Amino acid sequence: QFPGNTSWVDCELARLSHELSLAGGFRVGEELYFIGGGFVDEQGDKAVFGCRGSVTGPARNGDADAVSMSFSGNRGDIHCLAEELSREPAPSLPGGFILGEHLYFTGEDQIVGRGILVRGSRGEVVGLGLEPDSLAM
């Protein structure tokens, strides 16, 4: 019987397995490291580069390329793409910078795809950038 059901249900044999097939070949309960750019979801739960969490199951939104992850300090699970997860600890950041460190932008003011950069602005390092020799801030 499945949790939440008050009685048994009829299941086709082809739809039953001893193992749950998840994106990336990951398994429920496996400890993984988040290596994507940091983000905060609509509930305020977050994932930051290098944090460790555990796989709780398939992504709840049905994305076949993602899994649901539980990270310490969050109230709920977070949907993470398999390519944003690693069995190995996150690589070190380029330039000797540290995750969570606050840095100042010293370039010229500019509009970028996800926001605006103003000379002298202070931001937090949240992970590796998408471009070579860059950081996500």
N, C-alpha and C. Protein backbone atom coordinates (compact mmCIF):
# COMPACT_ATOMS: atom_id res chain seq x y z
N GLN A 1 0.85 -1.18 0.00
CA GLN A 1 0.00 0.00 0.00
C GLN A 1 0.90 1.24 0.00
N PHE A 2 0.50 2.25 -0.75
CA PHE A 2 1.27 3.49 -0.85
C PHE A 2 0.83 4.48 0.22
N PRO A 3 1.80 5.28 0.75
CA PRO A 3 1.44 6.28 1.77
C PRO A 3 0.37 7.23 1.24
N GLY A 4 -0.55 7.59 2.10
CA GLY A 4 -1.61 8.53 1.74
C GLY A 4 -2.85 7.86 1.20
N ASN A 5 -2.76 6.59 0.82
CA ASN A 5 -3.93 5.87 0.31
C ASN A 5 -4.57 5.10 1.45
N THR A 6 -5.90 5.05 1.44
CA THR A 6 -6.60 4.32 2.50
C THR A 6 -6.78 2.85 2.18
N SER A 7 -6.50 2.47 0.92
CA SER A 7 -6.55 1.06 0.56
C SER A 7 -5.55 0.80 -0.56
N TRP A 8 -5.43 -0.42 -0.98
CA TRP A 8 -4.48 -0.78 -2.03
C TRP A 8 -4.96 -0.31 -3.39
N VAL A 9 -4.02 -0.20 -4.32
CA VAL A 9 -4.33 0.16 -5.70
C VAL A 9 -3.71 -0.88 -6.63
N ASP A 10 -4.29 -1.07 -7.79
CA ASP A 10 -3.82 -2.02 -8.78
C ASP A 10 -2.71 -1.36 -9.62
N CYS A 11 -1.51 -1.96 -9.66
CA CYS A 11 -0.37 -1.41 -10.40
C CYS A 11 0.13 -2.42 -11.43
N GLU A 12 0.34 -1.94 -12.67
CA GLU A 12 0.90 -2.80 -13.70
C GLU A 12 2.32 -3.19 -13.32
N LEU A 13 2.71 -4.44 -13.58
CA LEU A 13 4.04 -4.92 -13.25
C LEU A 13 5.13 -4.09 -13.94
N ALA A 14 4.88 -3.64 -15.18
CA ALA A 14 5.86 -2.86 -15.92
C ALA A 14 6.14 -1.50 -15.27
N ARG A 15 5.27 -1.09 -14.36
CA ARG A 15 5.44 0.21 -13.71
C ARG A 15 5.94 0.09 -12.26
N LEU A 16 6.48 -1.09 -11.92
CA LEU A 16 7.01 -1.33 -10.58
C LEU A 16 8.48 -1.73 -10.66
N SER A 17 9.28 -1.31 -9.69
CA SER A 17 10.70 -1.63 -9.67
C SER A 17 11.22 -1.61 -8.24
N HIS A 18 12.28 -2.36 -8.02
CA HIS A 18 12.95 -2.34 -6.71
C HIS A 18 13.79 -1.07 -6.55
N GLU A 19 14.18 -0.47 -7.66
CA GLU A 19 15.01 0.73 -7.67
C GLU A 19 14.26 1.87 -8.35
N LEU A 20 14.47 3.09 -7.88
CA LEU A 20 13.89 4.28 -8.50
C LEU A 20 14.94 4.88 -9.42
N SER A 21 14.64 4.96 -10.71
CA SER A 21 15.56 5.52 -11.69
C SER A 21 15.45 7.05 -11.65
N LEU A 22 16.56 7.71 -11.30
CA LEU A 22 16.58 9.17 -11.19
C LEU A 22 17.58 9.78 -12.15
N ALA A 23 17.39 11.03 -12.47
CA ALA A 23 18.33 11.77 -13.32
C ALA A 23 19.74 11.64 -12.78
N GLY A 24 20.71 11.55 -13.68
CA GLY A 24 22.11 11.48 -13.29
C GLY A 24 22.52 10.15 -12.69
N GLY A 25 21.60 9.18 -12.64
CA GLY A 25 21.92 7.90 -12.02
C GLY A 25 21.98 7.99 -10.50
N PHE A 26 21.47 9.09 -9.94
CA PHE A 26 21.49 9.28 -8.49
C PHE A 26 20.43 8.41 -7.82
N ARG A 27 20.60 8.18 -6.52
CA ARG A 27 19.66 7.36 -5.75
C ARG A 27 19.13 8.15 -4.56
N VAL A 28 17.91 7.83 -4.15
CA VAL A 28 17.31 8.47 -2.98
C VAL A 28 18.23 8.23 -1.78
N GLY A 29 18.50 9.29 -1.03
CA GLY A 29 19.35 9.22 0.15
C GLY A 29 20.81 9.51 -0.13
N GLU A 30 21.20 9.54 -1.40
CA GLU A 30 22.60 9.79 -1.75
C GLU A 30 22.97 11.24 -1.40
N GLU A 31 24.16 11.41 -0.82
CA GLU A 31 24.67 12.73 -0.47
C GLU A 31 25.40 13.31 -1.68
N LEU A 32 25.01 14.53 -2.11
CA LEU A 32 25.60 15.17 -3.27
C LEU A 32 25.96 16.61 -2.95
N TYR A 33 26.80 17.20 -3.79
CA TYR A 33 27.21 18.59 -3.66
C TYR A 33 26.58 19.41 -4.77
N PHE A 34 26.10 20.60 -4.42
CA PHE A 34 25.53 21.50 -5.41
C PHE A 34 26.66 22.31 -6.02
N ILE A 35 26.81 22.23 -7.36
CA ILE A 35 27.90 22.93 -8.05
C ILE A 35 27.37 23.93 -9.07
N GLY A 36 26.08 24.24 -9.00
CA GLY A 36 25.50 25.24 -9.89
C GLY A 36 25.61 26.63 -9.30
N GLY A 37 25.10 27.62 -10.01
CA GLY A 37 25.04 28.98 -9.48
C GLY A 37 24.02 29.03 -8.36
N GLY A 38 24.28 29.75 -7.31
CA GLY A 38 23.36 29.81 -6.18
C GLY A 38 22.01 30.41 -6.56
N PHE A 39 20.97 30.00 -5.86
CA PHE A 39 19.64 30.55 -6.10
C PHE A 39 18.78 30.42 -4.85
N VAL A 40 17.72 31.21 -4.82
CA VAL A 40 16.72 31.14 -3.75
C VAL A 40 15.38 30.94 -4.43
N ASP A 41 14.59 29.96 -3.97
CA ASP A 41 13.28 29.72 -4.60
C ASP A 41 12.21 30.60 -3.98
N GLU A 42 10.99 30.48 -4.47
CA GLU A 42 9.90 31.36 -4.04
C GLU A 42 9.53 31.20 -2.56
N GLN A 43 9.90 30.07 -1.94
CA GLN A 43 9.64 29.87 -0.51
C GLN A 43 10.79 30.35 0.38
N GLY A 44 11.87 30.83 -0.26
CA GLY A 44 13.03 31.28 0.50
C GLY A 44 14.06 30.20 0.74
N ASP A 45 13.81 28.97 0.27
CA ASP A 45 14.80 27.91 0.38
C ASP A 45 15.89 28.16 -0.64
N LYS A 46 17.13 27.78 -0.31
CA LYS A 46 18.23 28.12 -1.20
C LYS A 46 19.21 26.97 -1.37
N ALA A 47 19.98 27.09 -2.45
CA ALA A 47 21.11 26.21 -2.71
C ALA A 47 22.27 27.11 -3.10
N VAL A 48 23.41 26.90 -2.48
CA VAL A 48 24.60 27.70 -2.82
C VAL A 48 25.72 26.76 -3.25
N PHE A 49 26.57 27.26 -4.09
CA PHE A 49 27.69 26.49 -4.60
C PHE A 49 28.44 25.83 -3.46
N GLY A 50 28.66 24.52 -3.59
CA GLY A 50 29.44 23.77 -2.62
C GLY A 50 28.67 23.16 -1.48
N CYS A 51 27.38 23.52 -1.31
CA CYS A 51 26.62 22.96 -0.18
C CYS A 51 26.29 21.49 -0.45
N ARG A 52 26.19 20.73 0.63
CA ARG A 52 25.91 19.29 0.53
C ARG A 52 24.47 19.04 0.94
N GLY A 53 23.82 18.15 0.21
CA GLY A 53 22.44 17.79 0.52
C GLY A 53 22.19 16.35 0.15
N SER A 54 20.96 15.91 0.36
CA SER A 54 20.62 14.52 0.04
C SER A 54 19.45 14.47 -0.93
N VAL A 55 19.50 13.48 -1.81
CA VAL A 55 18.46 13.26 -2.81
C VAL A 55 17.22 12.72 -2.10
N THR A 56 16.08 13.35 -2.37
CA THR A 56 14.83 12.89 -1.75
C THR A 56 13.90 12.21 -2.74
N GLY A 57 14.20 12.32 -4.05
CA GLY A 57 13.36 11.67 -5.05
C GLY A 57 13.41 12.39 -6.37
N PRO A 58 12.50 12.02 -7.27
CA PRO A 58 12.46 12.72 -8.57
C PRO A 58 11.99 14.15 -8.37
N ALA A 59 12.32 15.02 -9.32
CA ALA A 59 11.86 16.40 -9.25
C ALA A 59 10.34 16.42 -9.24
N ARG A 60 9.78 17.18 -8.34
CA ARG A 60 8.31 17.21 -8.19
C ARG A 60 7.60 17.86 -9.37
N ASN A 61 8.36 18.62 -10.17
CA ASN A 61 7.73 19.26 -11.33
C ASN A 61 7.75 18.34 -12.56
N GLY A 62 8.25 17.12 -12.40
CA GLY A 62 8.25 16.15 -13.49
C GLY A 62 9.43 16.26 -14.43
N ASP A 63 10.38 17.17 -14.17
CA ASP A 63 11.55 17.34 -15.02
C ASP A 63 12.42 16.07 -14.93
N ALA A 64 12.56 15.35 -16.05
CA ALA A 64 13.31 14.10 -16.08
C ALA A 64 14.81 14.32 -15.92
N ASP A 65 15.29 15.57 -16.08
CA ASP A 65 16.72 15.88 -15.95
C ASP A 65 17.07 16.44 -14.58
N ALA A 66 16.15 16.29 -13.61
CA ALA A 66 16.37 16.89 -12.29
C ALA A 66 15.93 15.94 -11.18
N VAL A 67 16.37 16.24 -9.97
CA VAL A 67 15.96 15.51 -8.77
C VAL A 67 15.55 16.51 -7.70
N SER A 68 14.85 16.04 -6.68
CA SER A 68 14.54 16.86 -5.52
C SER A 68 15.64 16.65 -4.50
N MET A 69 16.12 17.75 -3.90
CA MET A 69 17.21 17.71 -2.93
C MET A 69 16.79 18.37 -1.64
N SER A 70 17.29 17.84 -0.54
CA SER A 70 17.10 18.43 0.77
C SER A 70 18.43 19.01 1.23
N PHE A 71 18.44 20.33 1.52
CA PHE A 71 19.64 21.00 2.01
C PHE A 71 19.38 21.52 3.41
N SER A 72 20.39 21.45 4.26
CA SER A 72 20.29 21.90 5.64
C SER A 72 19.82 23.36 5.70
N GLY A 73 18.92 23.65 6.60
CA GLY A 73 18.43 25.01 6.79
C GLY A 73 17.21 25.35 5.95
N ASN A 74 16.86 24.51 4.98
CA ASN A 74 15.69 24.75 4.15
C ASN A 74 14.46 24.09 4.74
N ARG A 75 13.31 24.69 4.49
CA ARG A 75 12.04 24.12 4.97
C ARG A 75 11.53 23.01 4.06
N GLY A 76 11.88 23.09 2.77
CA GLY A 76 11.39 22.10 1.82
C GLY A 76 12.49 21.63 0.89
N ASP A 77 12.12 20.75 -0.01
CA ASP A 77 13.06 20.24 -1.00
C ASP A 77 13.22 21.24 -2.14
N ILE A 78 14.34 21.16 -2.82
CA ILE A 78 14.64 22.02 -3.96
C ILE A 78 14.85 21.16 -5.19
N HIS A 79 14.33 21.61 -6.31
CA HIS A 79 14.49 20.95 -7.60
C HIS A 79 15.85 21.35 -8.16
N CYS A 80 16.74 20.37 -8.44
CA CYS A 80 18.08 20.65 -8.97
C CYS A 80 18.32 19.80 -10.21
N LEU A 81 18.85 20.43 -11.24
CA LEU A 81 19.24 19.70 -12.44
C LEU A 81 20.41 18.77 -12.08
N ALA A 82 20.42 17.58 -12.69
CA ALA A 82 21.49 16.61 -12.42
C ALA A 82 22.86 17.20 -12.72
N GLU A 83 22.95 18.05 -13.76
CA GLU A 83 24.24 18.65 -14.12
C GLU A 83 24.74 19.65 -13.08
N GLU A 84 23.87 20.04 -12.13
CA GLU A 84 24.26 20.97 -11.06
C GLU A 84 24.70 20.24 -9.80
N LEU A 85 24.78 18.91 -9.88
CA LEU A 85 25.08 18.09 -8.71
C LEU A 85 26.31 17.23 -8.96
N SER A 86 27.05 16.95 -7.90
CA SER A 86 28.26 16.14 -8.02
C SER A 86 28.40 15.24 -6.80
N ARG A 87 28.97 14.06 -7.03
CA ARG A 87 29.28 13.17 -5.91
C ARG A 87 30.56 13.62 -5.20
N GLU A 88 31.35 14.42 -5.87
CA GLU A 88 32.62 14.92 -5.32
C GLU A 88 32.41 16.34 -4.78
N PRO A 89 33.16 16.73 -3.75
CA PRO A 89 33.05 18.11 -3.25
C PRO A 89 33.29 19.11 -4.37
N ALA A 90 32.68 20.27 -4.23
CA ALA A 90 32.78 21.32 -5.24
C ALA A 90 34.24 21.72 -5.44
N PRO A 91 34.60 22.03 -6.69
CA PRO A 91 35.97 22.50 -6.93
C PRO A 91 36.19 23.87 -6.28
N SER A 92 37.45 24.21 -6.06
CA SER A 92 37.73 25.52 -5.47
C SER A 92 37.39 26.61 -6.48
N LEU A 93 37.17 27.80 -5.98
CA LEU A 93 36.81 28.92 -6.83
C LEU A 93 38.06 29.56 -7.43
N PRO A 94 37.96 30.04 -8.67
CA PRO A 94 39.12 30.69 -9.28
C PRO A 94 39.47 31.99 -8.56
N GLY A 95 40.73 32.37 -8.66
CA GLY A 95 41.19 33.62 -8.08
C GLY A 95 41.38 33.58 -6.58
N GLY A 96 41.19 32.41 -5.97
CA GLY A 96 41.36 32.30 -4.52
C GLY A 96 40.20 32.88 -3.73
N PHE A 97 39.10 33.22 -4.41
CA PHE A 97 37.94 33.78 -3.71
C PHE A 97 37.21 32.68 -2.95
N ILE A 98 36.43 33.06 -1.96
CA ILE A 98 35.77 32.12 -1.06
C ILE A 98 34.26 32.27 -1.17
N LEU A 99 33.58 31.15 -1.17
CA LEU A 99 32.12 31.13 -1.19
C LEU A 99 31.59 31.96 -0.01
N GLY A 100 30.66 32.86 -0.28
CA GLY A 100 30.08 33.71 0.76
C GLY A 100 30.84 35.01 1.00
N GLU A 101 32.03 35.12 0.42
CA GLU A 101 32.84 36.33 0.58
C GLU A 101 32.14 37.50 -0.13
N HIS A 102 32.30 38.70 0.41
CA HIS A 102 31.74 39.90 -0.21
C HIS A 102 32.82 40.63 -0.98
N LEU A 103 32.52 40.96 -2.25
CA LEU A 103 33.46 41.62 -3.14
C LEU A 103 32.83 42.86 -3.75
N TYR A 104 33.66 43.75 -4.24
CA TYR A 104 33.18 44.97 -4.91
C TYR A 104 33.38 44.83 -6.41
N PHE A 105 32.39 45.31 -7.18
CA PHE A 105 32.50 45.34 -8.63
C PHE A 105 33.29 46.59 -9.01
N THR A 106 34.38 46.40 -9.75
CA THR A 106 35.26 47.52 -10.09
C THR A 106 35.23 47.88 -11.58
N GLY A 107 34.40 47.19 -12.34
CA GLY A 107 34.29 47.49 -13.77
C GLY A 107 33.36 48.66 -14.03
N GLU A 108 33.13 48.94 -15.30
CA GLU A 108 32.21 50.00 -15.70
C GLU A 108 30.76 49.55 -15.52
N ASP A 109 29.86 50.49 -15.23
CA ASP A 109 28.43 50.18 -15.09
C ASP A 109 27.95 49.45 -16.34
N GLN A 110 27.10 48.43 -16.13
CA GLN A 110 26.57 47.71 -17.28
C GLN A 110 25.31 46.94 -16.92
N ILE A 111 24.48 46.74 -17.92
CA ILE A 111 23.30 45.91 -17.77
C ILE A 111 23.68 44.52 -18.23
N VAL A 112 23.37 43.52 -17.41
CA VAL A 112 23.67 42.13 -17.75
C VAL A 112 22.37 41.35 -17.78
N GLY A 113 22.41 40.14 -18.33
CA GLY A 113 21.19 39.34 -18.50
C GLY A 113 20.33 39.21 -17.27
N ARG A 114 20.92 39.11 -16.11
CA ARG A 114 20.14 38.87 -14.89
C ARG A 114 20.12 40.06 -13.94
N GLY A 115 20.60 41.20 -14.37
CA GLY A 115 20.59 42.35 -13.47
C GLY A 115 21.45 43.48 -13.98
N ILE A 116 21.89 44.31 -13.06
CA ILE A 116 22.70 45.47 -13.41
C ILE A 116 23.94 45.46 -12.53
N LEU A 117 25.05 45.86 -13.10
CA LEU A 117 26.30 45.98 -12.36
C LEU A 117 26.67 47.45 -12.31
N VAL A 118 26.87 47.96 -11.11
CA VAL A 118 27.25 49.36 -10.92
C VAL A 118 28.59 49.38 -10.21
N ARG A 119 29.52 50.15 -10.76
CA ARG A 119 30.85 50.26 -10.18
C ARG A 119 30.73 50.61 -8.70
N GLY A 120 31.42 49.84 -7.87
CA GLY A 120 31.40 50.08 -6.42
C GLY A 120 30.36 49.26 -5.68
N SER A 121 29.50 48.55 -6.42
CA SER A 121 28.49 47.70 -5.76
C SER A 121 29.16 46.54 -5.05
N ARG A 122 28.61 46.18 -3.90
CA ARG A 122 29.14 45.08 -3.10
C ARG A 122 28.21 43.89 -3.25
N GLY A 123 28.77 42.73 -3.56
CA GLY A 123 27.96 41.52 -3.73
C GLY A 123 28.61 40.32 -3.07
N GLU A 124 27.83 39.25 -2.97
CA GLU A 124 28.29 38.02 -2.32
C GLU A 124 28.61 36.95 -3.36
N VAL A 125 29.73 36.27 -3.18
CA VAL A 125 30.12 35.17 -4.06
C VAL A 125 29.20 33.98 -3.75
N VAL A 126 28.46 33.51 -4.78
CA VAL A 126 27.54 32.37 -4.58
C VAL A 126 27.96 31.15 -5.39
N GLY A 127 29.02 31.27 -6.18
CA GLY A 127 29.48 30.10 -6.92
C GLY A 127 30.28 30.46 -8.14
N LEU A 128 30.48 29.45 -8.98
CA LEU A 128 31.19 29.64 -10.24
C LEU A 128 30.31 30.37 -11.23
N GLY A 129 30.90 31.22 -12.04
CA GLY A 129 30.17 31.88 -13.10
C GLY A 129 29.99 30.95 -14.29
N LEU A 130 29.17 31.36 -15.23
CA LEU A 130 28.94 30.56 -16.42
C LEU A 130 30.06 30.70 -17.44
N GLU A 131 30.72 31.84 -17.42
CA GLU A 131 31.84 32.10 -18.35
C GLU A 131 33.16 31.70 -17.68
N PRO A 132 34.18 31.38 -18.50
CA PRO A 132 35.50 31.09 -17.92
C PRO A 132 36.00 32.30 -17.11
N ASP A 133 36.71 32.03 -16.04
CA ASP A 133 37.29 33.07 -15.20
C ASP A 133 36.23 34.07 -14.70
N SER A 134 35.10 33.55 -14.26
CA SER A 134 34.06 34.41 -13.70
C SER A 134 33.46 33.73 -12.46
N LEU A 135 32.82 34.56 -11.64
CA LEU A 135 32.13 34.06 -10.45
C LEU A 135 30.68 34.48 -10.51
N ALA A 136 29.81 33.67 -9.94
CA ALA A 136 28.40 34.04 -9.80
C ALA A 136 28.28 34.88 -8.54
N MET A 137 27.68 36.07 -8.67
CA MET A 137 27.57 37.00 -7.56
C MET A 137 26.11 37.34 -7.32
